[in-house]
Every structure is written in structure tokens, then in C-alpha cells.
């Protein structure tokens, strides 16, 4: 499955546009990690626990979007975008969406 933030892929052409596909997840912070984050905030630097949490959330949302696209018969998702929103104080949603398409090799010439 090709996933791209652009509306085209070099060497490929769109033969069918299927439509919008999406994947999302909502994650809640872990209280123990919040305590570590408070200490990290005192000394500065990256809060690796949150970085890992967000990376896992993005991966899960992408996997769900790809699954949605495959079910519809797509072999690519173009114009991919991410959105984040807060659901409550310690929970956030990661949403990824794009346009499911069928691509084929462009004619040589």
C-alpha cells in the first residue's frame, strides 16, 4: 500500500478514485508516566514516554486507515493528513485521513 501526502506518485497514474478513508485512535495518558513527565519538565528535554505514546497512536491510526482502504479495494492513499484533538484533560484523539485510490504504472514514453 502506497501512502503519500502528495496527490500523485511519480511513475504511477490514478485509474480509480474511491473516496475518503480514515483511521483514528483515542489514547489516555498513564498516571505513572505523568509523574515522570513532571520531573522531566523540571530539568528540561524530551519526554520520551509521550513521544513513544504519540508514535504508537499515529501508527495505529495509519494501520486503521490502510485497513479501511484495502477493504474498499484501494492500493494507495493520497493526500494524507493528520489531525489531533483533545477529548478530555488526559485523552487525545489522533485522526489520519486521505483519498483512497487505485494506481497503476504510468505508460513509458
PDB file of N, CA and C in Angstrom:
ATOM      1  N   UNK A   1       0.851  -1.175   0.000  1.00  0.00           N
ATOM      2  CA  UNK A   1       0.000   0.000   0.000  1.00  0.00           C
ATOM      3  C   UNK A   1       0.896   1.237   0.000  1.00  0.00           C
ATOM      4  N   UNK A   2       0.669   2.107  -0.958  1.00  0.00           N
ATOM      5  CA  UNK A   2       1.393   3.376  -1.025  1.00  0.00           C
ATOM      6  C   UNK A   2       0.610   4.401  -0.217  1.00  0.00           C
ATOM      7  N   UNK A   3       1.318   5.100   0.656  1.00  0.00           N
ATOM      8  CA  UNK A   3       0.724   6.171   1.451  1.00  0.00           C
ATOM      9  C   UNK A   3       1.549   7.425   1.179  1.00  0.00           C
ATOM     10  N   UNK A   4       0.876   8.489   0.739  1.00  0.00           N
ATOM     11  CA  UNK A   4       1.611   9.709   0.395  1.00  0.00           C
ATOM     12  C   UNK A   4       0.824  10.952   0.795  1.00  0.00           C
ATOM     13  N   UNK A   5       1.555  11.993   1.175  1.00  0.00           N
ATOM     14  CA  UNK A   5       0.910  13.266   1.480  1.00  0.00           C
ATOM     15  C   UNK A   5       0.662  14.079   0.214  1.00  0.00           C
ATOM     16  N   UNK A   6       1.200  13.629  -0.897  1.00  0.00           N
ATOM     17  CA  UNK A   6       1.000  14.321  -2.174  1.00  0.00           C
ATOM     18  C   UNK A   6      -0.250  13.767  -2.873  1.00  0.00           C
ATOM     19  N   UNK A   7      -0.657  14.441  -3.940  1.00  0.00           N
ATOM     20  CA  UNK A   7      -1.836  13.993  -4.684  1.00  0.00           C
ATOM     21  C   UNK A   7      -1.470  13.133  -5.883  1.00  0.00           C
ATOM     22  N   UNK A   8      -0.187  12.837  -6.030  1.00  0.00           N
ATOM     23  CA  UNK A   8       0.250  11.957  -7.111  1.00  0.00           C
ATOM     24  C   UNK A   8       1.504  11.216  -6.667  1.00  0.00           C
ATOM     25  N   UNK A   9       1.835  10.166  -7.431  1.00  0.00           N
ATOM     26  CA  UNK A   9       3.023   9.365  -7.161  1.00  0.00           C
ATOM     27  C   UNK A   9       3.790   9.253  -8.470  1.00  0.00           C
ATOM     28  N   UNK A  10       5.058   9.587  -8.450  1.00  0.00           N
ATOM     29  CA  UNK A  10       5.882   9.535  -9.662  1.00  0.00           C
ATOM     30  C   UNK A  10       5.849   8.134 -10.269  1.00  0.00           C
ATOM     31  N   UNK A  11       5.639   8.095 -11.575  1.00  0.00           N
ATOM     32  CA  UNK A  11       5.629   6.836 -12.290  1.00  0.00           C
ATOM     33  C   UNK A  11       4.325   6.057 -12.194  1.00  0.00           C
ATOM     34  N   UNK A  12       3.336   6.635 -11.544  1.00  0.00           N
ATOM     35  CA  UNK A  12       2.026   5.979 -11.388  1.00  0.00           C
ATOM     36  C   UNK A  12       0.938   6.918 -11.885  1.00  0.00           C
ATOM     37  N   UNK A  13      -0.194   6.332 -12.242  1.00  0.00           N
ATOM     38  CA  UNK A  13      -1.353   7.158 -12.578  1.00  0.00           C
ATOM     39  C   UNK A  13      -2.566   6.604 -11.851  1.00  0.00           C
ATOM     40  N   UNK A  14      -3.461   7.499 -11.513  1.00  0.00           N
ATOM     41  CA  UNK A  14      -4.686   7.117 -10.820  1.00  0.00           C
ATOM     42  C   UNK A  14      -5.674   6.601 -11.859  1.00  0.00           C
ATOM     43  N   UNK A  15      -6.141   5.377 -11.665  1.00  0.00           N
ATOM     44  CA  UNK A  15      -7.150   4.839 -12.578  1.00  0.00           C
ATOM     45  C   UNK A  15      -8.539   4.815 -11.945  1.00  0.00           C
ATOM     46  N   UNK A  16      -8.572   4.952 -10.605  1.00  0.00           N
ATOM     47  CA  UNK A  16      -9.864   4.989  -9.927  1.00  0.00           C
ATOM     48  C   UNK A  16      -9.720   5.734  -8.599  1.00  0.00           C
ATOM     49  N   UNK A  17     -10.613   6.672  -8.363  1.00  0.00           N
ATOM     50  CA  UNK A  17     -10.688   7.343  -7.070  1.00  0.00           C
ATOM     51  C   UNK A  17     -11.843   6.731  -6.307  1.00  0.00           C
ATOM     52  N   UNK A  18     -11.532   6.195  -5.131  1.00  0.00           N
ATOM     53  CA  UNK A  18     -12.552   5.512  -4.338  1.00  0.00           C
ATOM     54  C   UNK A  18     -13.221   6.465  -3.364  1.00  0.00           C
ATOM     55  N   UNK A  19     -12.438   7.274  -2.677  1.00  0.00           N
ATOM     56  CA  UNK A  19     -13.013   8.239  -1.747  1.00  0.00           C
ATOM     57  C   UNK A  19     -12.216   8.347  -0.462  1.00  0.00           C
ATOM     58  N   UNK A  20     -12.782   9.049   0.478  1.00  0.00           N
ATOM     59  CA  UNK A  20     -12.102   9.331   1.744  1.00  0.00           C
ATOM     60  C   UNK A  20     -12.050   8.074   2.614  1.00  0.00           C
ATOM     61  N   UNK A  21     -10.874   7.841   3.185  1.00  0.00           N
ATOM     62  CA  UNK A  21     -10.687   6.794   4.184  1.00  0.00           C
ATOM     63  C   UNK A  21     -10.048   7.433   5.402  1.00  0.00           C
ATOM     64  N   UNK A  22     -10.265   6.808   6.550  1.00  0.00           N
ATOM     65  CA  UNK A  22      -9.723   7.392   7.767  1.00  0.00           C
ATOM     66  C   UNK A  22      -9.419   6.300   8.771  1.00  0.00           C
ATOM     67  N   UNK A  23      -8.603   6.677   9.734  1.00  0.00           N
ATOM     68  CA  UNK A  23      -8.307   5.820  10.873  1.00  0.00           C
ATOM     69  C   UNK A  23      -8.090   6.721  12.069  1.00  0.00           C
ATOM     70  N   UNK A  24      -8.514   6.270  13.237  1.00  0.00           N
ATOM     71  CA  UNK A  24      -8.306   7.095  14.417  1.00  0.00           C
ATOM     72  C   UNK A  24      -8.079   6.233  15.643  1.00  0.00           C
ATOM     73  N   UNK A  25      -7.584   6.858  16.677  1.00  0.00           N
ATOM     74  CA  UNK A  25      -7.438   6.234  17.976  1.00  0.00           C
ATOM     75  C   UNK A  25      -7.513   7.329  19.028  1.00  0.00           C
ATOM     76  N   UNK A  26      -7.991   6.960  20.188  1.00  0.00           N
ATOM     77  CA  UNK A  26      -8.024   7.891  21.318  1.00  0.00           C
ATOM     78  C   UNK A  26      -7.199   7.264  22.425  1.00  0.00           C
ATOM     79  N   UNK A  27      -6.245   8.001  22.916  1.00  0.00           N
ATOM     80  CA  UNK A  27      -5.342   7.498  23.950  1.00  0.00           C
ATOM     81  C   UNK A  27      -5.413   8.365  25.191  1.00  0.00           C
ATOM     82  N   UNK A  28      -5.243   7.711  26.323  1.00  0.00           N
ATOM     83  CA  UNK A  28      -5.226   8.378  27.619  1.00  0.00           C
ATOM     84  C   UNK A  28      -3.819   8.260  28.187  1.00  0.00           C
ATOM     85  N   UNK A  29      -3.337   9.334  28.784  1.00  0.00           N
ATOM     86  CA  UNK A  29      -2.020   9.297  29.421  1.00  0.00           C
ATOM     87  C   UNK A  29      -2.060   8.397  30.642  1.00  0.00           C
ATOM     88  N   UNK A  30      -0.936   7.821  30.945  1.00  0.00           N
ATOM     89  CA  UNK A  30      -0.772   6.944  32.109  1.00  0.00           C
ATOM     90  C   UNK A  30      -0.287   7.789  33.288  1.00  0.00           C
ATOM     91  N   UNK A  31      -0.928   7.644  34.453  1.00  0.00           N
ATOM     92  CA  UNK A  31      -0.585   8.466  35.622  1.00  0.00           C
ATOM     93  C   UNK A  31       0.887   8.340  36.007  1.00  0.00           C
ATOM     94  N   UNK A  32       1.433   7.140  35.933  1.00  0.00           N
ATOM     95  CA  UNK A  32       2.844   6.940  36.264  1.00  0.00           C
ATOM     96  C   UNK A  32       3.760   7.704  35.322  1.00  0.00           C
ATOM     97  N   UNK A  33       3.388   7.746  34.049  1.00  0.00           N
ATOM     98  CA  UNK A  33       4.192   8.490  33.077  1.00  0.00           C
ATOM     99  C   UNK A  33       4.063   9.990  33.307  1.00  0.00           C
ATOM    100  N   UNK A  34       2.898  10.432  33.799  1.00  0.00           N
ATOM    101  CA  UNK A  34       2.726  11.850  34.116  1.00  0.00           C
ATOM    102  C   UNK A  34       3.693  12.277  35.212  1.00  0.00           C
ATOM    103  N   UNK A  35       3.892  11.424  36.186  1.00  0.00           N
ATOM    104  CA  UNK A  35       4.821  11.741  37.277  1.00  0.00           C
ATOM    105  C   UNK A  35       6.236  11.892  36.728  1.00  0.00           C
ATOM    106  N   UNK A  36       6.646  10.965  35.854  1.00  0.00           N
ATOM    107  CA  UNK A  36       7.969  11.063  35.224  1.00  0.00           C
ATOM    108  C   UNK A  36       8.079  12.339  34.390  1.00  0.00           C
ATOM    109  N   UNK A  37       6.986  12.700  33.706  1.00  0.00           N
ATOM    110  CA  UNK A  37       6.993  13.901  32.872  1.00  0.00           C
ATOM    111  C   UNK A  37       7.177  15.162  33.713  1.00  0.00           C
ATOM    112  N   UNK A  38       6.587  15.189  34.889  1.00  0.00           N
ATOM    113  CA  UNK A  38       6.743  16.352  35.780  1.00  0.00           C
ATOM    114  C   UNK A  38       8.213  16.522  36.157  1.00  0.00           C
ATOM    115  N   UNK A  39       8.866  15.426  36.509  1.00  0.00           N
ATOM    116  CA  UNK A  39      10.297  15.501  36.843  1.00  0.00           C
ATOM    117  C   UNK A  39      11.114  15.937  35.632  1.00  0.00           C
ATOM    118  N   UNK A  40      10.774  15.440  34.464  1.00  0.00           N
ATOM    119  CA  UNK A  40      11.496  15.807  33.246  1.00  0.00           C
ATOM    120  C   UNK A  40      11.305  17.296  32.950  1.00  0.00           C
ATOM    121  N   UNK A  41      10.122  17.813  33.226  1.00  0.00           N
ATOM    122  CA  UNK A  41       9.847  19.233  32.985  1.00  0.00           C
ATOM    123  C   UNK A  41      10.738  20.126  33.843  1.00  0.00           C
ATOM    124  N   UNK A  42      11.129  19.631  34.988  1.00  0.00           N
ATOM    125  CA  UNK A  42      11.998  20.419  35.876  1.00  0.00           C
ATOM    126  C   UNK A  42      13.406  20.569  35.313  1.00  0.00           C
ATOM    127  N   UNK A  43      13.901  19.540  34.633  1.00  0.00           N
ATOM    128  CA  UNK A  43      15.267  19.576  34.112  1.00  0.00           C
ATOM    129  C   UNK A  43      15.337  19.847  32.616  1.00  0.00           C
ATOM    130  N   UNK A  44      14.197  19.739  31.937  1.00  0.00           N
ATOM    131  CA  UNK A  44      14.163  20.003  30.503  1.00  0.00           C
ATOM    132  C   UNK A  44      14.465  18.774  29.673  1.00  0.00           C
ATOM    133  N   UNK A  45      14.172  18.858  28.403  1.00  0.00           N
ATOM    134  CA  UNK A  45      14.454  17.775  27.478  1.00  0.00           C
ATOM    135  C   UNK A  45      13.196  17.071  27.001  1.00  0.00           C
ATOM    136  N   UNK A  46      13.402  16.101  26.163  1.00  0.00           N
ATOM    137  CA  UNK A  46      12.303  15.339  25.568  1.00  0.00           C
ATOM    138  C   UNK A  46      11.636  14.442  26.607  1.00  0.00           C
ATOM    139  N   UNK A  47      10.336  14.379  26.559  1.00  0.00           N
ATOM    140  CA  UNK A  47       9.588  13.443  27.399  1.00  0.00           C
ATOM    141  C   UNK A  47       9.349  12.203  26.544  1.00  0.00           C
ATOM    142  N   UNK A  48      10.278  11.273  26.642  1.00  0.00           N
ATOM    143  CA  UNK A  48      10.284  10.109  25.753  1.00  0.00           C
ATOM    144  C   UNK A  48       9.034   9.251  25.884  1.00  0.00           C
ATOM    145  N   UNK A  49       8.454   9.180  27.075  1.00  0.00           N
ATOM    146  CA  UNK A  49       7.246   8.374  27.266  1.00  0.00           C
ATOM    147  C   UNK A  49       6.101   8.909  26.394  1.00  0.00           C
ATOM    148  N   UNK A  50       5.966  10.237  26.314  1.00  0.00           N
ATOM    149  CA  UNK A  50       4.912  10.826  25.499  1.00  0.00           C
ATOM    150  C   UNK A  50       5.238  10.717  24.013  1.00  0.00           C
ATOM    151  N   UNK A  51       6.504  10.849  23.671  1.00  0.00           N
ATOM    152  CA  UNK A  51       6.906  10.690  22.275  1.00  0.00           C
ATOM    153  C   UNK A  51       6.544   9.290  21.791  1.00  0.00           C
ATOM    154  N   UNK A  52       6.841   8.294  22.603  1.00  0.00           N
ATOM    155  CA  UNK A  52       6.516   6.904  22.254  1.00  0.00           C
ATOM    156  C   UNK A  52       5.005   6.707  22.155  1.00  0.00           C
ATOM    157  N   UNK A  53       4.250   7.265  23.088  1.00  0.00           N
ATOM    158  CA  UNK A  53       2.790   7.155  23.080  1.00  0.00           C
ATOM    159  C   UNK A  53       2.203   7.747  21.802  1.00  0.00           C
ATOM    160  N   UNK A  54       2.675   8.918  21.404  1.00  0.00           N
ATOM    161  CA  UNK A  54       2.158   9.564  20.200  1.00  0.00           C
ATOM    162  C   UNK A  54       2.553   8.803  18.936  1.00  0.00           C
ATOM    163  N   UNK A  55       3.768   8.265  18.893  1.00  0.00           N
ATOM    164  CA  UNK A  55       4.205   7.476  17.741  1.00  0.00           C
ATOM    165  C   UNK A  55       3.348   6.219  17.593  1.00  0.00           C
ATOM    166  N   UNK A  56       3.087   5.545  18.699  1.00  0.00           N
ATOM    167  CA  UNK A  56       2.236   4.354  18.672  1.00  0.00           C
ATOM    168  C   UNK A  56       0.818   4.720  18.222  1.00  0.00           C
ATOM    169  N   UNK A  57       0.323   5.849  18.684  1.00  0.00           N
ATOM    170  CA  UNK A  57      -1.019   6.302  18.302  1.00  0.00           C
ATOM    171  C   UNK A  57      -1.095   6.592  16.808  1.00  0.00           C
ATOM    172  N   UNK A  58      -0.087   7.277  16.269  1.00  0.00           N
ATOM    173  CA  UNK A  58      -0.068   7.558  14.826  1.00  0.00           C
ATOM    174  C   UNK A  58      -0.014   6.272  14.024  1.00  0.00           C
ATOM    175  N   UNK A  59       0.826   5.327  14.443  1.00  0.00           N
ATOM    176  CA  UNK A  59       0.932   4.049  13.737  1.00  0.00           C
ATOM    177  C   UNK A  59      -0.388   3.299  13.737  1.00  0.00           C
ATOM    178  N   UNK A  60      -1.071   3.293  14.878  1.00  0.00           N
ATOM    179  CA  UNK A  60      -2.357   2.600  14.965  1.00  0.00           C
ATOM    180  C   UNK A  60      -3.397   3.267  14.065  1.00  0.00           C
ATOM    181  N   UNK A  61      -3.436   4.586  14.057  1.00  0.00           N
ATOM    182  CA  UNK A  61      -4.381   5.300  13.202  1.00  0.00           C
ATOM    183  C   UNK A  61      -4.092   5.022  11.724  1.00  0.00           C
ATOM    184  N   UNK A  62      -2.814   5.014  11.334  1.00  0.00           N
ATOM    185  CA  UNK A  62      -2.446   4.706   9.949  1.00  0.00           C
ATOM    186  C   UNK A  62      -2.865   3.288   9.596  1.00  0.00           C
ATOM    187  N   UNK A  63      -2.601   2.332  10.478  1.00  0.00           N
ATOM    188  CA  UNK A  63      -2.995   0.938  10.223  1.00  0.00           C
ATOM    189  C   UNK A  63      -4.495   0.830   9.990  1.00  0.00           C
ATOM    190  N   UNK A  64      -5.279   1.552  10.756  1.00  0.00           N
ATOM    191  CA  UNK A  64      -6.734   1.517  10.593  1.00  0.00           C
ATOM    192  C   UNK A  64      -7.166   2.159   9.285  1.00  0.00           C
ATOM    193  N   UNK A  65      -6.503   3.240   8.882  1.00  0.00           N
ATOM    194  CA  UNK A  65      -6.818   3.875   7.604  1.00  0.00           C
ATOM    195  C   UNK A  65      -6.494   2.938   6.447  1.00  0.00           C
ATOM    196  N   UNK A  66      -5.324   2.306   6.505  1.00  0.00           N
ATOM    197  CA  UNK A  66      -4.899   1.366   5.453  1.00  0.00           C
ATOM    198  C   UNK A  66      -5.882   0.202   5.366  1.00  0.00           C
ATOM    199  N   UNK A  67      -6.322  -0.313   6.497  1.00  0.00           N
ATOM    200  CA  UNK A  67      -7.293  -1.401   6.508  1.00  0.00           C
ATOM    201  C   UNK A  67      -8.586  -0.968   5.822  1.00  0.00           C
ATOM    202  N   UNK A  68      -9.050   0.231   6.133  1.00  0.00           N
ATOM    203  CA  UNK A  68     -10.245   0.783   5.506  1.00  0.00           C
ATOM    204  C   UNK A  68     -10.058   0.861   3.991  1.00  0.00           C
ATOM    205  N   UNK A  69      -8.905   1.338   3.548  1.00  0.00           N
ATOM    206  CA  UNK A  69      -8.621   1.468   2.114  1.00  0.00           C
ATOM    207  C   UNK A  69      -8.578   0.103   1.424  1.00  0.00           C
ATOM    208  N   UNK A  70      -7.949  -0.874   2.062  1.00  0.00           N
ATOM    209  CA  UNK A  70      -7.873  -2.222   1.467  1.00  0.00           C
ATOM    210  C   UNK A  70      -9.258  -2.845   1.307  1.00  0.00           C
ATOM    211  N   UNK A  71     -10.097  -2.678   2.306  1.00  0.00           N
ATOM    212  CA  UNK A  71     -11.464  -3.213   2.239  1.00  0.00           C
ATOM    213  C   UNK A  71     -12.203  -2.639   1.036  1.00  0.00           C
ATOM    214  N   UNK A  72     -11.930  -1.381   0.706  1.00  0.00           N
ATOM    215  CA  UNK A  72     -12.585  -0.723  -0.422  1.00  0.00           C
ATOM    216  C   UNK A  72     -11.913  -1.027  -1.766  1.00  0.00           C
ATOM    217  N   UNK A  73     -10.791  -1.766  -1.752  1.00  0.00           N
ATOM    218  CA  UNK A  73     -10.116  -2.148  -2.983  1.00  0.00           C
ATOM    219  C   UNK A  73      -9.026  -1.206  -3.450  1.00  0.00           C
ATOM    220  N   UNK A  74      -8.581  -0.309  -2.595  1.00  0.00           N
ATOM    221  CA  UNK A  74      -7.529   0.640  -2.967  1.00  0.00           C
ATOM    222  C   UNK A  74      -6.154   0.002  -2.827  1.00  0.00           C
ATOM    223  N   UNK A  75      -5.197   0.526  -3.581  1.00  0.00           N
ATOM    224  CA  UNK A  75      -3.802   0.118  -3.394  1.00  0.00           C
ATOM    225  C   UNK A  75      -2.924   1.309  -2.995  1.00  0.00           C
ATOM    226  N   UNK A  76      -3.574   2.458  -2.742  1.00  0.00           N
ATOM    227  CA  UNK A  76      -2.843   3.648  -2.303  1.00  0.00           C
ATOM    228  C   UNK A  76      -3.799   4.605  -1.596  1.00  0.00           C
ATOM    229  N   UNK A  77      -3.224   5.432  -0.724  1.00  0.00           N
ATOM    230  CA  UNK A  77      -3.963   6.526  -0.094  1.00  0.00           C
ATOM    231  C   UNK A  77      -3.124   7.783  -0.295  1.00  0.00           C
ATOM    232  N   UNK A  78      -3.724   8.762  -0.950  1.00  0.00           N
ATOM    233  CA  UNK A  78      -3.029  10.006  -1.274  1.00  0.00           C
ATOM    234  C   UNK A  78      -3.606  11.171  -0.474  1.00  0.00           C
ATOM    235  N   UNK A  79      -2.889  12.286  -0.509  1.00  0.00           N
ATOM    236  CA  UNK A  79      -3.295  13.498   0.222  1.00  0.00           C
ATOM    237  C   UNK A  79      -3.541  13.212   1.699  1.00  0.00           C
ATOM    238  N   UNK A  80      -2.677  12.422   2.310  1.00  0.00           N
ATOM    239  CA  UNK A  80      -2.837  12.013   3.705  1.00  0.00           C
ATOM    240  C   UNK A  80      -2.560  13.184   4.639  1.00  0.00           C
ATOM    241  N   UNK A  81      -3.417  13.332   5.634  1.00  0.00           N
ATOM    242  CA  UNK A  81      -3.291  14.393   6.631  1.00  0.00           C
ATOM    243  C   UNK A  81      -3.560  13.829   8.017  1.00  0.00           C
ATOM    244  N   UNK A  82      -2.991  14.476   9.022  1.00  0.00           N
ATOM    245  CA  UNK A  82      -3.208  14.114  10.424  1.00  0.00           C
ATOM    246  C   UNK A  82      -3.934  15.246  11.127  1.00  0.00           C
ATOM    247  N   UNK A  83      -4.729  14.880  12.106  1.00  0.00           N
ATOM    248  CA  UNK A  83      -5.409  15.852  12.953  1.00  0.00           C
ATOM    249  C   UNK A  83      -5.374  15.324  14.380  1.00  0.00           C
ATOM    250  N   UNK A  84      -5.236  16.225  15.325  1.00  0.00           N
ATOM    251  CA  UNK A  84      -5.222  15.860  16.743  1.00  0.00           C
ATOM    252  C   UNK A  84      -6.237  16.722  17.465  1.00  0.00           C
ATOM    253  N   UNK A  85      -6.983  16.107  18.370  1.00  0.00           N
ATOM    254  CA  UNK A  85      -7.916  16.878  19.190  1.00  0.00           C
ATOM    255  C   UNK A  85      -7.942  16.306  20.599  1.00  0.00           C
ATOM    256  N   UNK A  86      -8.254  17.145  21.541  1.00  0.00           N
ATOM    257  CA  UNK A  86      -8.337  16.714  22.933  1.00  0.00           C
ATOM    258  C   UNK A  86      -9.777  16.369  23.245  1.00  0.00           C
ATOM    259  N   UNK A  87      -9.976  15.187  23.823  1.00  0.00           N
ATOM    260  CA  UNK A  87     -11.306  14.711  24.169  1.00  0.00           C
ATOM    261  C   UNK A  87     -11.648  15.105  25.599  1.00  0.00           C
ATOM    262  N   UNK A  88     -10.691  14.954  26.483  1.00  0.00           N
ATOM    263  CA  UNK A  88     -10.811  15.375  27.873  1.00  0.00           C
ATOM    264  C   UNK A  88      -9.410  15.718  28.354  1.00  0.00           C
ATOM    265  N   UNK A  89      -9.251  16.067  29.598  1.00  0.00           N
ATOM    266  CA  UNK A  89      -7.978  16.578  30.085  1.00  0.00           C
ATOM    267  C   UNK A  89      -6.801  15.663  29.780  1.00  0.00           C
ATOM    268  N   UNK A  90      -6.961  14.371  29.920  1.00  0.00           N
ATOM    269  CA  UNK A  90      -5.814  13.478  29.725  1.00  0.00           C
ATOM    270  C   UNK A  90      -5.960  12.557  28.519  1.00  0.00           C
ATOM    271  N   UNK A  91      -6.901  12.856  27.611  1.00  0.00           N
ATOM    272  CA  UNK A  91      -7.114  11.993  26.443  1.00  0.00           C
ATOM    273  C   UNK A  91      -7.049  12.816  25.162  1.00  0.00           C
ATOM    274  N   UNK A  92      -6.430  12.223  24.149  1.00  0.00           N
ATOM    275  CA  UNK A  92      -6.314  12.894  22.854  1.00  0.00           C
ATOM    276  C   UNK A  92      -6.663  11.913  21.743  1.00  0.00           C
ATOM    277  N   UNK A  93      -7.247  12.456  20.679  1.00  0.00           N
ATOM    278  CA  UNK A  93      -7.548  11.657  19.502  1.00  0.00           C
ATOM    279  C   UNK A  93      -6.529  11.986  18.416  1.00  0.00           C
ATOM    280  N   UNK A  94      -6.050  10.957  17.765  1.00  0.00           N
ATOM    281  CA  UNK A  94      -5.233  11.104  16.561  1.00  0.00           C
ATOM    282  C   UNK A  94      -6.100  10.605  15.411  1.00  0.00           C
ATOM    283  N   UNK A  95      -6.290  11.435  14.400  1.00  0.00           N
ATOM    284  CA  UNK A  95      -7.064  11.084  13.218  1.00  0.00           C
ATOM    285  C   UNK A  95      -6.167  11.235  12.001  1.00  0.00           C
ATOM    286  N   UNK A  96      -6.175  10.234  11.144  1.00  0.00           N
ATOM    287  CA  UNK A  96      -5.453  10.317   9.881  1.00  0.00           C
ATOM    288  C   UNK A  96      -6.462  10.035   8.767  1.00  0.00           C
ATOM    289  N   UNK A  97      -6.390  10.802   7.690  1.00  0.00           N
ATOM    290  CA  UNK A  97      -7.349  10.616   6.610  1.00  0.00           C
ATOM    291  C   UNK A  97      -6.698  10.942   5.278  1.00  0.00           C
ATOM    292  N   UNK A  98      -7.276  10.405   4.220  1.00  0.00           N
ATOM    293  CA  UNK A  98      -6.759  10.644   2.888  1.00  0.00           C
ATOM    294  C   UNK A  98      -7.733  10.126   1.851  1.00  0.00           C
ATOM    295  N   UNK A  99      -7.304  10.149   0.602  1.00  0.00           N
ATOM    296  CA  UNK A  99      -8.126   9.703  -0.508  1.00  0.00           C
ATOM    297  C   UNK A  99      -7.637   8.343  -0.982  1.00  0.00           C
ATOM    298  N   UNK A 100      -8.528   7.354  -0.907  1.00  0.00           N
ATOM    299  CA  UNK A 100      -8.203   6.004  -1.377  1.00  0.00           C
ATOM    300  C   UNK A 100      -8.308   5.979  -2.897  1.00  0.00           C
ATOM    301  N   UNK A 101      -7.287   5.429  -3.527  1.00  0.00           N
ATOM    302  CA  UNK A 101      -7.251   5.347  -4.989  1.00  0.00           C
ATOM    303  C   UNK A 101      -6.676   4.005  -5.429  1.00  0.00           C
ATOM    304  N   UNK A 102      -6.864   3.723  -6.711  1.00  0.00           N
ATOM    305  CA  UNK A 102      -6.187   2.599  -7.341  1.00  0.00           C
ATOM    306  C   UNK A 102      -5.186   3.200  -8.321  1.00  0.00           C
ATOM    307  N   UNK A 103      -3.933   2.813  -8.149  1.00  0.00           N
ATOM    308  CA  UNK A 103      -2.859   3.285  -9.024  1.00  0.00           C
ATOM    309  C   UNK A 103      -2.383   2.151  -9.921  1.00  0.00           C
ATOM    310  N   UNK A 104      -1.848   2.534 -11.069  1.00  0.00           N
ATOM    311  CA  UNK A 104      -1.152   1.591 -11.931  1.00  0.00           C
ATOM    312  C   UNK A 104       0.071   2.291 -12.497  1.00  0.00           C
ATOM    313  N   UNK A 105       1.002   1.513 -13.015  1.00  0.00           N
ATOM    314  CA  UNK A 105       2.199   2.109 -13.612  1.00  0.00           C
ATOM    315  C   UNK A 105       1.812   2.995 -14.773  1.00  0.00           C
ATOM    316  N   UNK A 106       2.425   4.164 -14.820  1.00  0.00           N
ATOM    317  CA  UNK A 106       2.177   5.087 -15.944  1.00  0.00           C
ATOM    318  C   UNK A 106       2.849   4.538 -17.188  1.00  0.00           C
ATOM    319  N   UNK A 107       2.265   4.777 -18.357  1.00  0.00           N
ATOM    320  CA  UNK A 107       2.895   4.312 -19.583  1.00  0.00           C
ATOM    321  C   UNK A 107       4.271   4.954 -19.776  1.00  0.00           C
ATOM    322  N   UNK A 108       5.193   4.178 -20.269  1.00  0.00           N
ATOM    323  CA  UNK A 108       6.532   4.700 -20.572  1.00  0.00           C
ATOM    324  C   UNK A 108       6.453   5.526 -21.838  1.00  0.00           C
ATOM    325  N   UNK A 109       7.242   6.579 -21.855  1.00  0.00           N
ATOM    326  CA  UNK A 109       7.244   7.309 -23.106  1.00  0.00           C
ATOM    327  C   UNK A 109       7.536   8.686 -22.925  1.00  0.00           C
TER     328      UNK A 109
END
